[in-house]
Amino acid sequence: MEHTAKDDPPRSAREIPCPYTGLRVVNRIITDLAVIDVNADGLVLVETASGVSEDQVRPLPAHR
């Protein structure tokens, strides 16, 4: 999965406008930039791709 959409916002979202098919079923998100675990405290950066910094993975303040 690509880390951001074409207009550049992060693909993860706090609210989903469509009906849920399952809640709390995702434990890990893998994108072209990083591996991110999902836990009770939120998202935890596990690993970045070669040459990718943590700052490149984190959303810009406007997207939070």
C-alpha atoms as a PDB file:
ATOM      1  CA  MET A   1       0.000   0.000   0.000  1.00  0.00           C
ATOM      2  CA  GLU A   2       1.223   3.509  -0.705  1.00  0.00           C
ATOM      3  CA  HIS A   3       1.772   5.545   2.451  1.00  0.00           C
ATOM      4  CA  THR A   4      -0.192   8.582   1.228  1.00  0.00           C
ATOM      5  CA  ALA A   5      -3.044   9.194  -1.181  1.00  0.00           C
ATOM      6  CA  LYS A   6      -2.480  11.069  -4.447  1.00  0.00           C
ATOM      7  CA  ASP A   7      -3.351  14.425  -2.843  1.00  0.00           C
ATOM      8  CA  ASP A   8      -0.833  13.541  -0.071  1.00  0.00           C
ATOM      9  CA  PRO A   9      -2.893  13.064   3.116  1.00  0.00           C
ATOM     10  CA  PRO A  10      -2.082   9.969   5.176  1.00  0.00           C
ATOM     11  CA  ARG A  11      -4.297   7.010   4.325  1.00  0.00           C
ATOM     12  CA  SER A  12      -5.122   6.201   7.948  1.00  0.00           C
ATOM     13  CA  ALA A  13      -8.167   7.952   9.387  1.00  0.00           C
ATOM     14  CA  ARG A  14      -9.814   8.341  12.781  1.00  0.00           C
ATOM     15  CA  GLU A  15     -13.311   8.341  11.294  1.00  0.00           C
ATOM     16  CA  ILE A  16     -14.614   6.225   8.439  1.00  0.00           C
ATOM     17  CA  PRO A  17     -17.676   7.460   6.503  1.00  0.00           C
ATOM     18  CA  CYS A  18     -18.861   3.982   5.479  1.00  0.00           C
ATOM     19  CA  PRO A  19     -20.212   1.042   7.543  1.00  0.00           C
ATOM     20  CA  TYR A  20     -17.630  -0.962   9.482  1.00  0.00           C
ATOM     21  CA  THR A  21     -16.993  -4.558   8.516  1.00  0.00           C
ATOM     22  CA  GLY A  22     -14.820  -5.155  11.570  1.00  0.00           C
ATOM     23  CA  LEU A  23     -13.532  -3.118  14.493  1.00  0.00           C
ATOM     24  CA  ARG A  24     -10.027  -3.372  15.955  1.00  0.00           C
ATOM     25  CA  VAL A  25      -8.980  -6.156  13.582  1.00  0.00           C
ATOM     26  CA  VAL A  26      -5.842  -4.496  12.172  1.00  0.00           C
ATOM     27  CA  ASN A  27      -2.621  -5.120  14.114  1.00  0.00           C
ATOM     28  CA  ARG A  28      -0.070  -3.979  11.550  1.00  0.00           C
ATOM     29  CA  ILE A  29       0.009  -1.512   8.656  1.00  0.00           C
ATOM     30  CA  ILE A  30       2.635  -2.035   5.943  1.00  0.00           C
ATOM     31  CA  THR A  31       3.213   0.739   3.391  1.00  0.00           C
ATOM     32  CA  ASP A  32       5.916   1.599   0.897  1.00  0.00           C
ATOM     33  CA  LEU A  33       7.559   3.803   3.571  1.00  0.00           C
ATOM     34  CA  ALA A  34       7.127   1.956   6.855  1.00  0.00           C
ATOM     35  CA  VAL A  35       5.804  -0.826   9.048  1.00  0.00           C
ATOM     36  CA  ILE A  36       3.483   0.466  11.765  1.00  0.00           C
ATOM     37  CA  ASP A  37       1.886  -1.536  14.586  1.00  0.00           C
ATOM     38  CA  VAL A  38      -1.572  -0.656  15.892  1.00  0.00           C
ATOM     39  CA  ASN A  39      -2.082  -1.086  19.644  1.00  0.00           C
ATOM     40  CA  ALA A  40      -4.244   0.304  22.448  1.00  0.00           C
ATOM     41  CA  ASP A  41      -2.037   3.414  22.721  1.00  0.00           C
ATOM     42  CA  GLY A  42      -2.226   4.217  19.003  1.00  0.00           C
ATOM     43  CA  LEU A  43       0.238   3.737  16.151  1.00  0.00           C
ATOM     44  CA  VAL A  44       3.830   2.604  16.801  1.00  0.00           C
ATOM     45  CA  LEU A  45       6.509   2.929  14.126  1.00  0.00           C
ATOM     46  CA  VAL A  46       8.289  -0.429  13.877  1.00  0.00           C
ATOM     47  CA  GLU A  47      10.536   0.019  10.844  1.00  0.00           C
ATOM     48  CA  THR A  48      11.143   2.420   7.959  1.00  0.00           C
ATOM     49  CA  ALA A  49      12.199   1.556   4.435  1.00  0.00           C
ATOM     50  CA  SER A  50      15.838   2.027   3.524  1.00  0.00           C
ATOM     51  CA  GLY A  51      16.614   5.724   3.197  1.00  0.00           C
ATOM     52  CA  VAL A  52      13.315   6.845   4.766  1.00  0.00           C
ATOM     53  CA  SER A  53      13.401   8.915   7.960  1.00  0.00           C
ATOM     54  CA  GLU A  54      10.851   8.928  10.784  1.00  0.00           C
ATOM     55  CA  ASP A  55       9.938  12.518   9.854  1.00  0.00           C
ATOM     56  CA  GLN A  56       8.968  11.370   6.353  1.00  0.00           C
ATOM     57  CA  VAL A  57       6.593   8.790   7.817  1.00  0.00           C
ATOM     58  CA  ARG A  58       4.851  10.986  10.381  1.00  0.00           C
ATOM     59  CA  PRO A  59       1.885  13.067   9.126  1.00  0.00           C
ATOM     60  CA  LEU A  60       2.199  16.821   8.837  1.00  0.00           C
ATOM     61  CA  PRO A  61       0.469  18.721  11.698  1.00  0.00           C
ATOM     62  CA  ALA A  62      -2.384  19.743   9.356  1.00  0.00           C
ATOM     63  CA  HIS A  63      -3.202  16.056   8.741  1.00  0.00           C
ATOM     64  CA  ARG A  64      -3.400  14.987  12.384  1.00  0.00           C
END
